Protein backbone atom coordinates (compact mmCIF):
# COMPACT_ATOMS: atom_id res chain seq x y z
CA UNK A 1 107.90 -26.98 96.42
CA UNK A 2 111.09 -27.91 94.63
CA UNK A 3 112.40 -31.42 94.35
CA UNK A 4 114.28 -32.63 97.42
CA UNK A 5 117.82 -33.56 96.44
CA UNK A 6 119.66 -35.92 98.73
CA UNK A 7 123.26 -34.94 99.33
CA UNK A 8 126.07 -36.82 101.03
CA UNK A 9 127.84 -34.86 103.74
CA UNK A 10 130.94 -35.59 105.80
CA UNK A 11 131.20 -33.69 109.08
CA UNK A 12 134.42 -33.61 111.05
CA UNK A 13 133.94 -32.83 114.73
CA UNK A 14 130.39 -34.20 114.66
CA UNK A 15 130.48 -35.53 118.21
CA UNK A 16 129.42 -32.36 120.00
CA UNK A 17 128.65 -28.66 119.80
CA UNK A 18 128.33 -27.00 116.40
CA UNK A 19 129.40 -30.14 114.55
CA UNK A 20 126.71 -32.29 116.13
CA UNK A 21 124.01 -29.66 115.62
CA UNK A 22 125.02 -29.28 111.98
CA UNK A 23 124.94 -33.02 111.38
CA UNK A 24 121.40 -33.17 112.74
CA UNK A 25 120.29 -30.10 110.78
CA UNK A 26 121.62 -31.47 107.50
CA UNK A 27 120.04 -34.84 108.13
CA UNK A 28 116.70 -33.06 108.49
CA UNK A 29 117.09 -31.73 104.95
CA UNK A 30 117.59 -35.33 103.81
CA UNK A 31 121.39 -35.41 103.63
CA UNK A 32 123.08 -38.73 104.30
CA UNK A 33 125.62 -37.81 106.95
CA UNK A 34 128.97 -39.32 107.92
CA UNK A 35 129.73 -38.26 111.50
CA UNK A 36 133.46 -38.22 112.27
CA UNK A 37 134.97 -37.34 115.61
CA UNK A 38 138.05 -38.10 117.68
CA UNK A 39 135.72 -39.89 120.13
CA UNK A 40 133.95 -42.89 118.69
CA UNK A 41 131.17 -42.82 121.29
CA UNK A 42 130.39 -39.17 120.63
CA UNK A 43 130.25 -39.67 116.86
CA UNK A 44 127.98 -42.68 117.29
CA UNK A 45 125.70 -40.77 119.68
CA UNK A 46 125.13 -38.07 117.06
CA UNK A 47 124.53 -40.67 114.35
CA UNK A 48 122.10 -42.53 116.58
CA UNK A 49 120.06 -39.38 117.24
CA UNK A 50 119.83 -38.84 113.50
CA UNK A 51 118.74 -42.41 112.84
CA UNK A 52 116.17 -42.26 115.65
CA UNK A 53 114.70 -39.17 113.99
CA UNK A 54 114.43 -41.08 110.71
CA UNK A 55 117.57 -39.81 109.04
CA UNK A 56 120.60 -41.58 107.56
CA UNK A 57 123.91 -41.43 109.42
CA UNK A 58 127.03 -43.42 110.06
CA UNK A 59 129.86 -42.78 112.50
CA UNK A 60 133.62 -43.18 112.50
CA UNK A 61 136.43 -42.20 114.84
CA UNK A 62 139.55 -40.49 113.55
CA UNK A 63 142.23 -38.05 114.65
CA UNK A 64 142.23 -35.58 111.77
CA UNK A 65 145.58 -34.19 112.90
CA UNK A 66 146.95 -37.53 111.67
CA UNK A 67 146.93 -37.32 107.87
CA UNK A 68 146.83 -41.10 107.40
CA UNK A 69 143.77 -41.40 109.65
CA UNK A 70 142.08 -38.48 107.90
CA UNK A 71 142.60 -39.93 104.42
CA UNK A 72 141.55 -43.38 105.60
CA UNK A 73 138.28 -42.26 107.18
CA UNK A 74 137.39 -40.04 104.22
CA UNK A 75 137.97 -42.94 101.85
CA UNK A 76 135.71 -45.10 104.02
CA UNK A 77 132.99 -42.47 103.82
CA UNK A 78 133.33 -42.29 100.04
CA UNK A 79 133.14 -46.07 99.78
CA UNK A 80 129.88 -46.07 101.71
CA UNK A 81 128.28 -42.87 100.42
CA UNK A 82 129.65 -42.46 96.92
CA UNK A 83 130.00 -38.85 95.82
CA UNK A 84 130.54 -36.51 98.77
CA UNK A 85 128.81 -33.23 98.05
CA UNK A 86 129.58 -31.38 101.27
CA UNK A 87 132.33 -31.33 103.88
CA UNK A 88 132.03 -29.45 107.16
CA UNK A 89 135.06 -29.01 109.41
CA UNK A 90 134.04 -28.25 112.99
CA UNK A 91 137.23 -29.57 114.57
CA UNK A 92 139.10 -27.27 116.90
CA UNK A 93 140.83 -26.85 120.24
CA UNK A 94 141.44 -23.67 122.22
CA UNK A 95 144.78 -24.44 123.78
CA UNK A 96 146.06 -22.43 126.77
CA UNK A 97 143.69 -19.72 128.03
CA UNK A 98 144.31 -16.48 129.91
CA UNK A 99 148.04 -16.79 129.20
CA UNK A 100 150.03 -14.04 127.50
CA UNK A 101 151.99 -14.77 124.37
CA UNK A 102 155.45 -14.74 125.89
CA UNK A 103 154.39 -17.49 128.29
CA UNK A 104 153.21 -19.96 125.62
CA UNK A 105 155.72 -22.60 124.65
CA UNK A 106 156.22 -23.40 120.99
CA UNK A 107 155.27 -26.98 121.79
CA UNK A 108 151.89 -25.80 123.12
CA UNK A 109 151.40 -23.66 120.04
CA UNK A 110 152.22 -26.55 117.73
CA UNK A 111 149.51 -28.73 119.31
CA UNK A 112 146.85 -26.12 118.52
CA UNK A 113 148.30 -25.43 115.07
CA UNK A 114 148.17 -29.10 114.09
CA UNK A 115 144.48 -29.40 114.97
CA UNK A 116 143.12 -25.98 114.01
CA UNK A 117 145.07 -25.08 110.88
CA UNK A 118 147.19 -27.92 109.56
CA UNK A 119 144.28 -30.37 109.83
CA UNK A 120 141.95 -27.81 108.24
CA UNK A 121 144.23 -27.66 105.21
CA UNK A 122 144.42 -31.45 105.07
CA UNK A 123 140.61 -31.69 105.23
CA UNK A 124 140.30 -29.19 102.38
CA UNK A 125 142.84 -31.16 100.36
CA UNK A 126 141.08 -34.52 100.62
CA UNK A 127 137.71 -32.87 99.96
CA UNK A 128 138.87 -30.88 96.93
CA UNK A 129 140.65 -33.85 95.34
CA UNK A 130 137.41 -35.78 95.55
CA UNK A 131 135.12 -32.95 94.46
CA UNK A 132 137.18 -32.02 91.41
CA UNK A 133 136.18 -35.36 89.88
CA UNK A 134 132.54 -34.26 89.89
CA UNK A 135 132.84 -30.52 89.30
CA UNK A 136 130.82 -29.80 92.41
CA UNK A 137 131.34 -29.36 96.15
CA UNK A 138 130.72 -27.29 99.22
CA UNK A 139 133.34 -26.98 101.97
CA UNK A 140 132.68 -25.09 105.20
CA UNK A 141 135.18 -24.55 108.00
CA UNK A 142 134.32 -23.30 111.49
CA UNK A 143 136.73 -20.47 112.28
CA UNK A 144 136.18 -17.92 115.06
CA UNK A 145 135.70 -14.23 115.65
CA UNK A 146 139.02 -14.53 117.51
CA UNK A 147 140.61 -15.09 114.11
CA UNK A 148 139.37 -11.70 112.94
CA UNK A 149 139.84 -9.61 116.06
CA UNK A 150 142.27 -11.56 118.26
CA UNK A 151 141.48 -12.49 121.84
CA UNK A 152 144.14 -11.65 124.44
CA UNK A 153 145.33 -14.65 126.38
CA UNK A 154 144.39 -16.93 123.46
CA UNK A 155 147.30 -16.45 121.08
CA UNK A 156 147.37 -20.01 119.76
CA UNK A 157 143.64 -20.08 119.08
CA UNK A 158 143.48 -16.57 117.61
CA UNK A 159 146.47 -17.07 115.33
CA UNK A 160 145.39 -20.45 113.98
CA UNK A 161 141.82 -19.33 113.34
CA UNK A 162 143.17 -16.25 111.56
CA UNK A 163 145.26 -18.62 109.48
CA UNK A 164 142.13 -20.60 108.62
CA UNK A 165 140.39 -17.43 107.43
CA UNK A 166 143.35 -16.62 105.19
CA UNK A 167 143.38 -20.21 103.91
CA UNK A 168 139.70 -20.00 102.98
CA UNK A 169 140.24 -16.71 101.13
CA UNK A 170 143.00 -18.26 99.03
CA UNK A 171 141.20 -21.54 98.38
CA UNK A 172 137.98 -19.80 97.42
CA UNK A 173 139.85 -18.06 94.61
CA UNK A 174 141.74 -21.20 93.58
CA UNK A 175 138.62 -23.30 92.97
CA UNK A 176 136.10 -20.61 92.03
CA UNK A 177 135.70 -21.99 88.51
CA UNK A 178 135.56 -25.65 89.53
CA UNK A 179 132.05 -25.67 90.99
CA UNK A 180 133.48 -25.85 94.53
CA UNK A 181 132.78 -23.17 97.12
CA UNK A 182 134.94 -22.90 100.22
CA UNK A 183 133.76 -20.66 103.04
CA UNK A 184 134.09 -20.29 106.79
CA UNK A 185 131.95 -19.33 109.75
CA UNK A 186 133.31 -17.05 112.49
CA UNK A 187 131.24 -17.49 115.65
CA UNK A 188 131.65 -15.44 118.77
CA UNK A 189 130.76 -17.17 122.06
CA UNK A 190 128.44 -20.11 121.42
CA UNK A 191 126.41 -21.73 124.20
CA UNK A 192 127.80 -25.25 124.49
CA UNK A 193 128.65 -27.58 127.35
CA UNK A 194 132.27 -26.59 126.80
CA UNK A 195 131.49 -22.95 127.60
CA UNK A 196 130.61 -23.90 131.16
CA UNK A 197 134.16 -25.21 131.68
CA UNK A 198 135.86 -21.94 130.73
CA UNK A 199 137.33 -19.49 133.26
CA UNK A 200 134.84 -16.81 134.29
CA UNK A 201 137.27 -14.08 133.27
CA UNK A 202 137.47 -15.44 129.72
CA UNK A 203 133.68 -15.80 129.34
CA UNK A 204 133.06 -12.33 130.83
CA UNK A 205 135.56 -10.73 128.45
CA UNK A 206 133.96 -12.33 125.40
CA UNK A 207 130.33 -11.69 126.39
CA UNK A 208 131.00 -8.04 127.15
CA UNK A 209 131.98 -7.55 123.52
CA UNK A 210 128.70 -8.91 122.11
CA UNK A 211 126.13 -6.12 121.56
CA UNK A 212 123.23 -8.61 121.56
CA UNK A 213 124.28 -9.49 125.10
CA UNK A 214 124.09 -13.27 124.91
CA UNK A 215 125.96 -16.23 123.46
CA UNK A 216 124.93 -17.62 120.11
CA UNK A 217 123.34 -21.05 119.88
CA UNK A 218 124.50 -24.17 118.09
CA UNK A 219 121.20 -24.13 116.18
CA UNK A 220 122.03 -20.68 114.79
CA UNK A 221 125.47 -21.87 113.71
CA UNK A 222 124.03 -25.03 112.15
CA UNK A 223 121.48 -23.01 110.17
CA UNK A 224 124.22 -20.87 108.64
CA UNK A 225 126.38 -23.88 107.86
CA UNK A 226 123.38 -25.57 106.25
CA UNK A 227 123.08 -22.68 103.81
CA UNK A 228 126.82 -22.62 103.20
CA UNK A 229 126.61 -26.27 102.14
CA UNK A 230 123.54 -25.82 99.94
CA UNK A 231 123.34 -25.58 96.16
CA UNK A 232 122.11 -22.02 96.61
CA UNK A 233 125.53 -21.06 97.96
CA UNK A 234 127.01 -20.90 94.49
CA UNK A 235 128.16 -17.27 94.22
CA UNK A 236 129.83 -16.87 97.61
CA UNK A 237 133.26 -18.40 98.09
CA UNK A 238 136.40 -17.50 99.99
CA UNK A 239 134.24 -15.66 102.52
CA UNK A 240 133.97 -15.83 106.30
CA UNK A 241 130.47 -15.29 107.67
CA UNK A 242 130.14 -13.65 111.07
CA UNK A 243 127.96 -15.15 113.79
CA UNK A 244 128.87 -12.63 116.43
CA UNK A 245 125.78 -10.92 117.82
CA UNK A 246 127.00 -7.65 116.35
CA UNK A 247 130.56 -7.89 117.67
CA UNK A 248 132.06 -7.84 114.17
CA UNK A 249 130.49 -5.56 111.61
CA UNK A 250 132.88 -5.87 108.68
């Protein structure tokens, strides 16, 4: 077996769903993990599960749509961890559902834009500025299959996730020679507690498009993100990986 190398990883949106599962998966491979979430209790719950399992984790609360809070919490993580090798962005909101585009207000759109796309750029910026000092880094954003194909009645979500995919394509090229890879994951429906709160019509529409016939799991998403933030992921950058049960085949 090869030598186990301990990495330091910052995960935004670590309080639940894919973010929490990824934090726990990376801790199992011996990463020291900083769990950051809008909700302090949720971030701490994930960190506590990791510590109970014998891993290393800390927790902070921050609203990443607020640039000052984002920079502040990242600096705190750097102070505690030192070099940050990996950054995972699993922050996102869906915004209005089952509403056609002409019925969405620009104010509603702006709320989703600030969290899903503007904050994603800000996260990439703070991560890249840090990683350039070391000539190494892995950044992974959680996008969505809606960003590739568009989901009707979800214009804010679809448009901002499409913007994230375009952002990752551009950034992957920008930092390709700096030892930093920047990729994204595009899940279809993932089985989370949040899924149970969605309108039946929305869930039915999305599941009918999945050839496998079931939602994905957070463990499957975490496994892919774990590879995307590994040293082995050195020749793939600017790419968006599908996790769609066969829905997307391109």
